[in-house]
C-alpha cells in the first residue's frame, strides 16, 4: 500500500517585476498561470502572493480543474517557501 508523504513546506518559484507605468511591484507564480500579486512595495506584494496561490489552488480543486504537479502533494496547511526565478 503506498504511503502518503506530508510535505513540511513547498518551494514555489516566483518572478518579480517593477511596473514603471503603474509604479507597482508585480509578483507572479509561473506554475499557476494568471496568479499574480501587486503592491506599492515589494514587501507588500510578497505578503499577498501566498494567499493568492492558495486561493487559486482552492478554486481549481473546487471546480475539479487540474492542479499543476508542483502542488499535488501539498494541502491547504502546507507552508509555502517563495523562491525567485528569472522572469
PDB file of N, CA and C in Angstrom:
ATOM      1  N   UNK A   1       0.851  -1.183   0.000  1.00  0.00           N
ATOM      2  CA  UNK A   1       0.000   0.000   0.000  1.00  0.00           C
ATOM      3  C   UNK A   1       0.895   1.244   0.000  1.00  0.00           C
ATOM      4  N   UNK A   2       0.710   2.143  -0.961  1.00  0.00           N
ATOM      5  CA  UNK A   2       1.534   3.361  -0.988  1.00  0.00           C
ATOM      6  C   UNK A   2       1.214   4.275   0.191  1.00  0.00           C
ATOM      7  N   UNK A   3       2.258   4.875   0.707  1.00  0.00           N
ATOM      8  CA  UNK A   3       2.086   5.814   1.817  1.00  0.00           C
ATOM      9  C   UNK A   3       2.038   7.234   1.275  1.00  0.00           C
ATOM     10  N   UNK A   4       1.225   8.054   1.898  1.00  0.00           N
ATOM     11  CA  UNK A   4       1.172   9.464   1.547  1.00  0.00           C
ATOM     12  C   UNK A   4       2.186  10.207   2.398  1.00  0.00           C
ATOM     13  N   UNK A   5       3.007  10.991   1.758  1.00  0.00           N
ATOM     14  CA  UNK A   5       4.011  11.771   2.483  1.00  0.00           C
ATOM     15  C   UNK A   5       3.510  13.201   2.594  1.00  0.00           C
ATOM     16  N   UNK A   6       3.454  13.704   3.827  1.00  0.00           N
ATOM     17  CA  UNK A   6       3.030  15.083   4.056  1.00  0.00           C
ATOM     18  C   UNK A   6       4.250  15.993   3.921  1.00  0.00           C
ATOM     19  N   UNK A   7       4.106  17.041   3.156  1.00  0.00           N
ATOM     20  CA  UNK A   7       5.199  17.985   2.962  1.00  0.00           C
ATOM     21  C   UNK A   7       5.322  18.925   4.154  1.00  0.00           C
ATOM     22  N   UNK A   8       6.569  19.173   4.585  1.00  0.00           N
ATOM     23  CA  UNK A   8       6.807  20.157   5.638  1.00  0.00           C
ATOM     24  C   UNK A   8       6.676  21.565   5.082  1.00  0.00           C
ATOM     25  N   UNK A   9       7.060  21.727   3.825  1.00  0.00           N
ATOM     26  CA  UNK A   9       6.967  23.011   3.148  1.00  0.00           C
ATOM     27  C   UNK A   9       7.041  22.764   1.647  1.00  0.00           C
ATOM     28  N   UNK A  10       6.616  23.733   0.894  1.00  0.00           N
ATOM     29  CA  UNK A  10       6.622  23.624  -0.563  1.00  0.00           C
ATOM     30  C   UNK A  10       7.366  24.825  -1.129  1.00  0.00           C
ATOM     31  N   UNK A  11       8.425  24.557  -1.901  1.00  0.00           N
ATOM     32  CA  UNK A  11       9.186  25.637  -2.529  1.00  0.00           C
ATOM     33  C   UNK A  11       8.485  26.011  -3.830  1.00  0.00           C
ATOM     34  N   UNK A  12       8.069  27.275  -3.918  1.00  0.00           N
ATOM     35  CA  UNK A  12       7.286  27.764  -5.050  1.00  0.00           C
ATOM     36  C   UNK A  12       8.094  28.810  -5.811  1.00  0.00           C
ATOM     37  N   UNK A  13       8.338  28.585  -7.107  1.00  0.00           N
ATOM     38  CA  UNK A  13       9.049  29.597  -7.896  1.00  0.00           C
ATOM     39  C   UNK A  13       8.152  30.808  -8.166  1.00  0.00           C
ATOM     40  N   UNK A  14       8.742  31.985  -8.051  1.00  0.00           N
ATOM     41  CA  UNK A  14       8.023  33.231  -8.346  1.00  0.00           C
ATOM     42  C   UNK A  14       8.919  34.133  -9.187  1.00  0.00           C
ATOM     43  N   UNK A  15       8.292  35.073  -9.871  1.00  0.00           N
ATOM     44  CA  UNK A  15       9.035  36.113 -10.581  1.00  0.00           C
ATOM     45  C   UNK A  15       8.604  37.463 -10.019  1.00  0.00           C
ATOM     46  N   UNK A  16       9.506  38.432 -10.111  1.00  0.00           N
ATOM     47  CA  UNK A  16       9.226  39.775  -9.604  1.00  0.00           C
ATOM     48  C   UNK A  16       9.551  40.784 -10.697  1.00  0.00           C
ATOM     49  N   UNK A  17       8.633  41.702 -10.917  1.00  0.00           N
ATOM     50  CA  UNK A  17       8.842  42.785 -11.884  1.00  0.00           C
ATOM     51  C   UNK A  17       8.427  44.100 -11.234  1.00  0.00           C
ATOM     52  N   UNK A  18       9.083  45.181 -11.631  1.00  0.00           N
ATOM     53  CA  UNK A  18       8.608  46.507 -11.249  1.00  0.00           C
ATOM     54  C   UNK A  18       7.960  47.109 -12.483  1.00  0.00           C
ATOM     55  N   UNK A  19       6.701  47.496 -12.370  1.00  0.00           N
ATOM     56  CA  UNK A  19       5.961  48.069 -13.496  1.00  0.00           C
ATOM     57  C   UNK A  19       6.024  49.588 -13.406  1.00  0.00           C
ATOM     58  N   UNK A  20       6.911  50.184 -14.191  1.00  0.00           N
ATOM     59  CA  UNK A  20       7.118  51.635 -14.161  1.00  0.00           C
ATOM     60  C   UNK A  20       5.837  52.418 -14.430  1.00  0.00           C
ATOM     61  N   UNK A  21       5.059  51.964 -15.391  1.00  0.00           N
ATOM     62  CA  UNK A  21       3.843  52.697 -15.776  1.00  0.00           C
ATOM     63  C   UNK A  21       2.841  52.796 -14.626  1.00  0.00           C
ATOM     64  N   UNK A  22       2.802  51.755 -13.785  1.00  0.00           N
ATOM     65  CA  UNK A  22       1.844  51.736 -12.672  1.00  0.00           C
ATOM     66  C   UNK A  22       2.489  52.014 -11.321  1.00  0.00           C
ATOM     67  N   UNK A  23       3.821  52.083 -11.293  1.00  0.00           N
ATOM     68  CA  UNK A  23       4.577  52.304 -10.051  1.00  0.00           C
ATOM     69  C   UNK A  23       4.251  51.247  -9.000  1.00  0.00           C
ATOM     70  N   UNK A  24       4.189  49.985  -9.427  1.00  0.00           N
ATOM     71  CA  UNK A  24       3.919  48.879  -8.504  1.00  0.00           C
ATOM     72  C   UNK A  24       4.841  47.705  -8.815  1.00  0.00           C
ATOM     73  N   UNK A  25       5.006  46.848  -7.806  1.00  0.00           N
ATOM     74  CA  UNK A  25       5.704  45.583  -7.988  1.00  0.00           C
ATOM     75  C   UNK A  25       4.678  44.514  -8.319  1.00  0.00           C
ATOM     76  N   UNK A  26       5.043  43.643  -9.247  1.00  0.00           N
ATOM     77  CA  UNK A  26       4.178  42.525  -9.630  1.00  0.00           C
ATOM     78  C   UNK A  26       4.935  41.236  -9.331  1.00  0.00           C
ATOM     79  N   UNK A  27       4.353  40.395  -8.489  1.00  0.00           N
ATOM     80  CA  UNK A  27       4.916  39.088  -8.179  1.00  0.00           C
ATOM     81  C   UNK A  27       4.009  38.052  -8.825  1.00  0.00           C
ATOM     82  N   UNK A  28       4.601  37.131  -9.573  1.00  0.00           N
ATOM     83  CA  UNK A  28       3.828  36.118 -10.289  1.00  0.00           C
ATOM     84  C   UNK A  28       4.313  34.723  -9.929  1.00  0.00           C
ATOM     85  N   UNK A  29       3.414  33.760 -10.027  1.00  0.00           N
ATOM     86  CA  UNK A  29       3.738  32.351  -9.833  1.00  0.00           C
ATOM     87  C   UNK A  29       3.620  31.667 -11.193  1.00  0.00           C
ATOM     88  N   UNK A  30       4.749  31.449 -11.902  1.00  0.00           N
ATOM     89  CA  UNK A  30       4.681  30.876 -13.243  1.00  0.00           C
ATOM     90  C   UNK A  30       4.021  29.497 -13.297  1.00  0.00           C
ATOM     91  N   UNK A  31       4.052  28.757 -12.196  1.00  0.00           N
ATOM     92  CA  UNK A  31       3.440  27.420 -12.168  1.00  0.00           C
ATOM     93  C   UNK A  31       1.917  27.485 -12.181  1.00  0.00           C
ATOM     94  N   UNK A  32       1.348  28.652 -11.854  1.00  0.00           N
ATOM     95  CA  UNK A  32      -0.108  28.846 -11.855  1.00  0.00           C
ATOM     96  C   UNK A  32      -0.427  30.020 -12.770  1.00  0.00           C
ATOM     97  N   UNK A  33      -0.725  29.735 -14.006  1.00  0.00           N
ATOM     98  CA  UNK A  33      -0.999  30.791 -14.980  1.00  0.00           C
ATOM     99  C   UNK A  33      -2.075  31.736 -14.456  1.00  0.00           C
ATOM    100  N   UNK A  34      -1.769  33.028 -14.497  1.00  0.00           N
ATOM    101  CA  UNK A  34      -2.728  34.042 -14.059  1.00  0.00           C
ATOM    102  C   UNK A  34      -2.667  34.367 -12.580  1.00  0.00           C
ATOM    103  N   UNK A  35      -1.736  33.748 -11.845  1.00  0.00           N
ATOM    104  CA  UNK A  35      -1.632  34.001 -10.399  1.00  0.00           C
ATOM    105  C   UNK A  35      -0.591  35.091 -10.155  1.00  0.00           C
ATOM    106  N   UNK A  36      -1.063  36.255  -9.717  1.00  0.00           N
ATOM    107  CA  UNK A  36      -0.205  37.419  -9.510  1.00  0.00           C
ATOM    108  C   UNK A  36      -0.605  38.148  -8.230  1.00  0.00           C
ATOM    109  N   UNK A  37       0.298  38.993  -7.766  1.00  0.00           N
ATOM    110  CA  UNK A  37       0.007  39.921  -6.672  1.00  0.00           C
ATOM    111  C   UNK A  37       0.731  41.220  -6.994  1.00  0.00           C
ATOM    112  N   UNK A  38       0.121  42.319  -6.615  1.00  0.00           N
ATOM    113  CA  UNK A  38       0.710  43.633  -6.857  1.00  0.00           C
ATOM    114  C   UNK A  38       0.813  44.377  -5.534  1.00  0.00           C
ATOM    115  N   UNK A  39       1.809  45.255  -5.440  1.00  0.00           N
ATOM    116  CA  UNK A  39       1.940  46.079  -4.254  1.00  0.00           C
ATOM    117  C   UNK A  39       2.770  47.313  -4.545  1.00  0.00           C
ATOM    118  N   UNK A  40       2.526  48.357  -3.772  1.00  0.00           N
ATOM    119  CA  UNK A  40       3.325  49.577  -3.920  1.00  0.00           C
ATOM    120  C   UNK A  40       4.764  49.332  -3.503  1.00  0.00           C
ATOM    121  N   UNK A  41       4.971  48.340  -2.632  1.00  0.00           N
ATOM    122  CA  UNK A  41       6.321  47.936  -2.239  1.00  0.00           C
ATOM    123  C   UNK A  41       6.470  46.450  -2.548  1.00  0.00           C
ATOM    124  N   UNK A  42       7.706  46.004  -2.678  1.00  0.00           N
ATOM    125  CA  UNK A  42       7.951  44.583  -2.910  1.00  0.00           C
ATOM    126  C   UNK A  42       7.456  43.767  -1.721  1.00  0.00           C
ATOM    127  N   UNK A  43       7.675  44.277  -0.521  1.00  0.00           N
ATOM    128  CA  UNK A  43       7.223  43.580   0.682  1.00  0.00           C
ATOM    129  C   UNK A  43       5.708  43.355   0.656  1.00  0.00           C
ATOM    130  N   UNK A  44       4.979  44.364   0.248  1.00  0.00           N
ATOM    131  CA  UNK A  44       3.519  44.254   0.187  1.00  0.00           C
ATOM    132  C   UNK A  44       3.092  43.157  -0.793  1.00  0.00           C
ATOM    133  N   UNK A  45       3.678  43.145  -1.974  1.00  0.00           N
ATOM    134  CA  UNK A  45       3.328  42.127  -2.976  1.00  0.00           C
ATOM    135  C   UNK A  45       3.735  40.730  -2.507  1.00  0.00           C
ATOM    136  N   UNK A  46       4.878  40.623  -1.834  1.00  0.00           N
ATOM    137  CA  UNK A  46       5.352  39.326  -1.337  1.00  0.00           C
ATOM    138  C   UNK A  46       4.456  38.788  -0.223  1.00  0.00           C
ATOM    139  N   UNK A  47       3.866  39.672   0.563  1.00  0.00           N
ATOM    140  CA  UNK A  47       2.948  39.220   1.624  1.00  0.00           C
ATOM    141  C   UNK A  47       1.632  38.715   1.051  1.00  0.00           C
ATOM    142  N   UNK A  48       1.228  39.231  -0.105  1.00  0.00           N
ATOM    143  CA  UNK A  48      -0.064  38.884  -0.703  1.00  0.00           C
ATOM    144  C   UNK A  48      -0.010  37.589  -1.517  1.00  0.00           C
ATOM    145  N   UNK A  49       1.105  37.325  -2.207  1.00  0.00           N
ATOM    146  CA  UNK A  49       1.146  36.216  -3.167  1.00  0.00           C
ATOM    147  C   UNK A  49       0.858  34.840  -2.552  1.00  0.00           C
ATOM    148  N   UNK A  50       1.319  34.497  -1.335  1.00  0.00           N
ATOM    149  CA  UNK A  50       0.978  33.162  -0.816  1.00  0.00           C
ATOM    150  C   UNK A  50      -0.535  32.939  -0.706  1.00  0.00           C
ATOM    151  N   UNK A  51      -1.257  33.943  -0.258  1.00  0.00           N
ATOM    152  CA  UNK A  51      -2.712  33.823  -0.161  1.00  0.00           C
ATOM    153  C   UNK A  51      -3.359  33.676  -1.525  1.00  0.00           C
ATOM    154  N   UNK A  52      -2.824  34.383  -2.517  1.00  0.00           N
ATOM    155  CA  UNK A  52      -3.359  34.277  -3.877  1.00  0.00           C
ATOM    156  C   UNK A  52      -3.102  32.885  -4.460  1.00  0.00           C
ATOM    157  N   UNK A  53      -1.926  32.331  -4.186  1.00  0.00           N
ATOM    158  CA  UNK A  53      -1.612  30.979  -4.660  1.00  0.00           C
ATOM    159  C   UNK A  53      -2.586  29.982  -4.044  1.00  0.00           C
ATOM    160  N   UNK A  54      -2.756  30.059  -2.731  1.00  0.00           N
ATOM    161  CA  UNK A  54      -3.657  29.117  -2.050  1.00  0.00           C
ATOM    162  C   UNK A  54      -5.098  29.289  -2.516  1.00  0.00           C
ATOM    163  N   UNK A  55      -5.534  30.525  -2.724  1.00  0.00           N
ATOM    164  CA  UNK A  55      -6.904  30.768  -3.196  1.00  0.00           C
ATOM    165  C   UNK A  55      -7.105  30.186  -4.595  1.00  0.00           C
ATOM    166  N   UNK A  56      -6.105  30.338  -5.462  1.00  0.00           N
ATOM    167  CA  UNK A  56      -6.237  29.801  -6.813  1.00  0.00           C
ATOM    168  C   UNK A  56      -6.275  28.274  -6.783  1.00  0.00           C
ATOM    169  N   UNK A  57      -5.447  27.658  -5.938  1.00  0.00           N
ATOM    170  CA  UNK A  57      -5.466  26.195  -5.823  1.00  0.00           C
ATOM    171  C   UNK A  57      -6.809  25.713  -5.285  1.00  0.00           C
ATOM    172  N   UNK A  58      -7.332  26.393  -4.265  1.00  0.00           N
ATOM    173  CA  UNK A  58      -8.645  26.030  -3.709  1.00  0.00           C
ATOM    174  C   UNK A  58      -9.727  26.125  -4.776  1.00  0.00           C
ATOM    175  N   UNK A  59      -9.695  27.187  -5.569  1.00  0.00           N
ATOM    176  CA  UNK A  59     -10.701  27.377  -6.621  1.00  0.00           C
ATOM    177  C   UNK A  59     -10.590  26.280  -7.679  1.00  0.00           C
ATOM    178  N   UNK A  60      -9.360  25.922  -8.047  1.00  0.00           N
ATOM    179  CA  UNK A  60      -9.175  24.866  -9.047  1.00  0.00           C
ATOM    180  C   UNK A  60      -9.686  23.532  -8.517  1.00  0.00           C
ATOM    181  N   UNK A  61      -9.400  23.240  -7.250  1.00  0.00           N
ATOM    182  CA  UNK A  61      -9.895  21.985  -6.653  1.00  0.00           C
ATOM    183  C   UNK A  61     -11.419  21.979  -6.609  1.00  0.00           C
ATOM    184  N   UNK A  62     -12.016  23.082  -6.197  1.00  0.00           N
ATOM    185  CA  UNK A  62     -13.478  23.174  -6.072  1.00  0.00           C
ATOM    186  C   UNK A  62     -14.175  22.997  -7.421  1.00  0.00           C
ATOM    187  N   UNK A  63     -13.531  23.456  -8.491  1.00  0.00           N
ATOM    188  CA  UNK A  63     -14.129  23.348  -9.828  1.00  0.00           C
ATOM    189  C   UNK A  63     -13.736  22.055 -10.542  1.00  0.00           C
ATOM    190  N   UNK A  64     -12.916  21.234  -9.881  1.00  0.00           N
ATOM    191  CA  UNK A  64     -12.489  19.984 -10.499  1.00  0.00           C
ATOM    192  C   UNK A  64     -11.467  20.160 -11.608  1.00  0.00           C
ATOM    193  N   UNK A  65     -10.772  21.292 -11.599  1.00  0.00           N
ATOM    194  CA  UNK A  65      -9.745  21.554 -12.611  1.00  0.00           C
ATOM    195  C   UNK A  65      -8.423  20.914 -12.194  1.00  0.00           C
ATOM    196  N   UNK A  66      -7.552  20.705 -13.153  1.00  0.00           N
ATOM    197  CA  UNK A  66      -6.269  20.076 -12.854  1.00  0.00           C
ATOM    198  C   UNK A  66      -5.404  20.991 -11.983  1.00  0.00           C
ATOM    199  N   UNK A  67      -4.587  20.346 -11.171  1.00  0.00           N
ATOM    200  CA  UNK A  67      -3.642  21.039 -10.290  1.00  0.00           C
ATOM    201  C   UNK A  67      -2.243  20.773 -10.849  1.00  0.00           C
ATOM    202  N   UNK A  68      -1.418  21.812 -11.037  1.00  0.00           N
ATOM    203  CA  UNK A  68      -0.057  21.589 -11.520  1.00  0.00           C
ATOM    204  C   UNK A  68       0.700  20.611 -10.614  1.00  0.00           C
ATOM    205  N   UNK A  69       1.545  19.782 -11.217  1.00  0.00           N
ATOM    206  CA  UNK A  69       2.269  18.736 -10.493  1.00  0.00           C
ATOM    207  C   UNK A  69       2.985  19.267  -9.252  1.00  0.00           C
ATOM    208  N   UNK A  70       3.546  20.452  -9.335  1.00  0.00           N
ATOM    209  CA  UNK A  70       4.265  21.041  -8.203  1.00  0.00           C
ATOM    210  C   UNK A  70       3.418  21.069  -6.939  1.00  0.00           C
ATOM    211  N   UNK A  71       2.115  21.274  -7.083  1.00  0.00           N
ATOM    212  CA  UNK A  71       1.231  21.478  -5.935  1.00  0.00           C
ATOM    213  C   UNK A  71       0.436  20.236  -5.525  1.00  0.00           C
ATOM    214  N   UNK A  72       0.562  19.135  -6.238  1.00  0.00           N
ATOM    215  CA  UNK A  72      -0.299  17.974  -5.987  1.00  0.00           C
ATOM    216  C   UNK A  72      -0.122  17.356  -4.612  1.00  0.00           C
ATOM    217  N   UNK A  73       1.082  17.395  -4.048  1.00  0.00           N
ATOM    218  CA  UNK A  73       1.312  16.778  -2.736  1.00  0.00           C
ATOM    219  C   UNK A  73       1.106  17.754  -1.586  1.00  0.00           C
ATOM    220  N   UNK A  74       0.756  18.972  -1.883  1.00  0.00           N
ATOM    221  CA  UNK A  74       0.550  19.986  -0.841  1.00  0.00           C
ATOM    222  C   UNK A  74      -0.920  20.035  -0.460  1.00  0.00           C
ATOM    223  N   UNK A  75      -1.170  20.383   0.795  1.00  0.00           N
ATOM    224  CA  UNK A  75      -2.551  20.628   1.207  1.00  0.00           C
ATOM    225  C   UNK A  75      -2.669  22.087   1.636  1.00  0.00           C
ATOM    226  N   UNK A  76      -3.840  22.473   2.093  1.00  0.00           N
ATOM    227  CA  UNK A  76      -4.090  23.881   2.429  1.00  0.00           C
ATOM    228  C   UNK A  76      -3.218  24.377   3.579  1.00  0.00           C
ATOM    229  N   UNK A  77      -2.696  23.460   4.389  1.00  0.00           N
ATOM    230  CA  UNK A  77      -1.887  23.850   5.547  1.00  0.00           C
ATOM    231  C   UNK A  77      -0.384  23.868   5.255  1.00  0.00           C
ATOM    232  N   UNK A  78       0.024  23.405   4.094  1.00  0.00           N
ATOM    233  CA  UNK A  78       1.447  23.339   3.766  1.00  0.00           C
ATOM    234  C   UNK A  78       2.023  24.745   3.607  1.00  0.00           C
ATOM    235  N   UNK A  79       3.044  25.090   4.417  1.00  0.00           N
ATOM    236  CA  UNK A  79       3.661  26.414   4.270  1.00  0.00           C
ATOM    237  C   UNK A  79       4.355  26.548   2.909  1.00  0.00           C
ATOM    238  N   UNK A  80       4.237  27.715   2.317  1.00  0.00           N
ATOM    239  CA  UNK A  80       4.879  27.993   1.036  1.00  0.00           C
ATOM    240  C   UNK A  80       6.181  28.745   1.269  1.00  0.00           C
ATOM    241  N   UNK A  81       7.244  28.303   0.613  1.00  0.00           N
ATOM    242  CA  UNK A  81       8.525  28.995   0.631  1.00  0.00           C
ATOM    243  C   UNK A  81       8.708  29.560  -0.773  1.00  0.00           C
ATOM    244  N   UNK A  82       8.803  30.872  -0.879  1.00  0.00           N
ATOM    245  CA  UNK A  82       8.900  31.532  -2.180  1.00  0.00           C
ATOM    246  C   UNK A  82      10.356  31.630  -2.614  1.00  0.00           C
ATOM    247  N   UNK A  83      10.633  31.251  -3.858  1.00  0.00           N
ATOM    248  CA  UNK A  83      11.990  31.334  -4.392  1.00  0.00           C
ATOM    249  C   UNK A  83      11.941  32.069  -5.723  1.00  0.00           C
ATOM    250  N   UNK A  84      12.687  33.176  -5.808  1.00  0.00           N
ATOM    251  CA  UNK A  84      12.694  33.961  -7.045  1.00  0.00           C
ATOM    252  C   UNK A  84      13.451  33.230  -8.145  1.00  0.00           C
ATOM    253  N   UNK A  85      12.860  33.257  -9.344  1.00  0.00           N
ATOM    254  CA  UNK A  85      13.482  32.681 -10.538  1.00  0.00           C
ATOM    255  C   UNK A  85      13.502  33.769 -11.605  1.00  0.00           C
ATOM    256  N   UNK A  86      14.371  33.636 -12.611  1.00  0.00           N
ATOM    257  CA  UNK A  86      14.390  34.649 -13.676  1.00  0.00           C
ATOM    258  C   UNK A  86      13.045  34.725 -14.396  1.00  0.00           C
ATOM    259  N   UNK A  87      12.646  35.927 -14.746  1.00  0.00           N
ATOM    260  CA  UNK A  87      11.356  36.124 -15.439  1.00  0.00           C
ATOM    261  C   UNK A  87      11.432  35.657 -16.864  1.00  0.00           C
TER     262      UNK A  87
END
